[in-house]
């Protein structure tokens, strides 16, 4: 399936995420619910490693790819 079709199929779920995040606003470094929400979505995707609690509410997700190519950080 072309990537644009896959994105379109996934759009309603992503819109739900956006709505949830807007209904549960958090400020500054006091964003524990948001961090937990993001970590849970990453677990659902099957991310290889998730390190939580970095600087209180930060997290690092490690995705081990199978191909050659550059490594990126977002």
Protein backbone atom coordinates (compact mmCIF):
# COMPACT_ATOMS: atom_id res chain seq x y z
CA UNK A 1 0.00 0.00 0.00
CA UNK A 2 1.39 3.45 -0.88
CA UNK A 3 2.66 5.44 2.10
CA UNK A 4 0.13 8.26 1.58
CA UNK A 5 -2.74 5.77 1.83
CA UNK A 6 -1.26 4.33 5.02
CA UNK A 7 -0.99 7.83 6.49
CA UNK A 8 -4.59 8.61 5.52
CA UNK A 9 -5.77 5.39 7.17
CA UNK A 10 -3.91 6.34 10.34
CA UNK A 11 -5.16 9.96 10.44
CA UNK A 12 -8.28 9.38 12.60
CA UNK A 13 -6.20 7.73 15.32
CA UNK A 14 -3.65 10.56 15.27
CA UNK A 15 -6.49 13.09 15.49
CA UNK A 16 -7.71 11.27 18.58
CA UNK A 17 -4.27 11.59 20.11
CA UNK A 18 -4.23 15.33 19.40
CA UNK A 19 -7.67 15.73 20.99
CA UNK A 20 -6.60 13.80 24.10
CA UNK A 21 -3.46 15.92 24.46
CA UNK A 22 -5.47 19.14 24.12
CA UNK A 23 -8.03 17.92 26.68
CA UNK A 24 -5.22 17.20 29.19
CA UNK A 25 -2.96 20.28 28.98
CA UNK A 26 0.21 20.35 31.04
CA UNK A 27 2.79 23.12 31.40
CA UNK A 28 6.55 23.30 31.52
CA UNK A 29 8.29 20.29 33.00
CA UNK A 30 5.11 19.19 34.79
CA UNK A 31 3.87 17.02 31.92
CA UNK A 32 3.80 13.54 33.44
CA UNK A 33 0.52 12.48 31.77
CA UNK A 34 1.82 13.59 28.38
CA UNK A 35 5.08 11.69 28.83
CA UNK A 36 3.18 8.56 29.88
CA UNK A 37 0.84 8.95 26.89
CA UNK A 38 3.75 9.18 24.45
CA UNK A 39 5.57 6.24 26.04
CA UNK A 40 2.43 4.08 25.81
CA UNK A 41 1.94 4.92 22.12
CA UNK A 42 5.59 3.97 21.49
CA UNK A 43 5.06 0.65 23.31
CA UNK A 44 2.01 -0.02 21.13
CA UNK A 45 4.22 0.51 18.07
CA UNK A 46 6.69 -2.04 19.40
CA UNK A 47 9.61 0.36 19.84
CA UNK A 48 12.73 -1.59 20.84
CA UNK A 49 13.70 0.42 23.94
CA UNK A 50 12.05 3.24 25.86
CA UNK A 51 13.96 5.07 28.59
CA UNK A 52 11.66 7.23 30.71
CA UNK A 53 12.14 9.80 33.46
CA UNK A 54 14.93 11.73 31.77
CA UNK A 55 14.95 15.22 33.30
CA UNK A 56 11.70 14.19 35.04
CA UNK A 57 9.39 13.87 32.03
CA UNK A 58 11.65 13.27 29.03
CA UNK A 59 12.07 9.98 27.25
CA UNK A 60 14.34 8.36 24.70
CA UNK A 61 13.05 5.75 22.28
CA UNK A 62 15.47 3.49 20.44
CA UNK A 63 14.38 1.89 17.18
CA UNK A 64 16.88 -0.60 15.81
CA UNK A 65 16.58 -0.58 12.04
CA UNK A 66 17.45 -3.50 9.82
CA UNK A 67 19.06 -1.60 6.97
CA UNK A 68 22.12 0.49 6.42
CA UNK A 69 21.89 4.23 6.49
CA UNK A 70 22.17 7.28 8.69
CA UNK A 71 21.10 7.50 12.31
CA UNK A 72 18.90 10.40 13.35
CA UNK A 73 17.69 11.94 16.58
CA UNK A 74 14.46 13.89 16.88
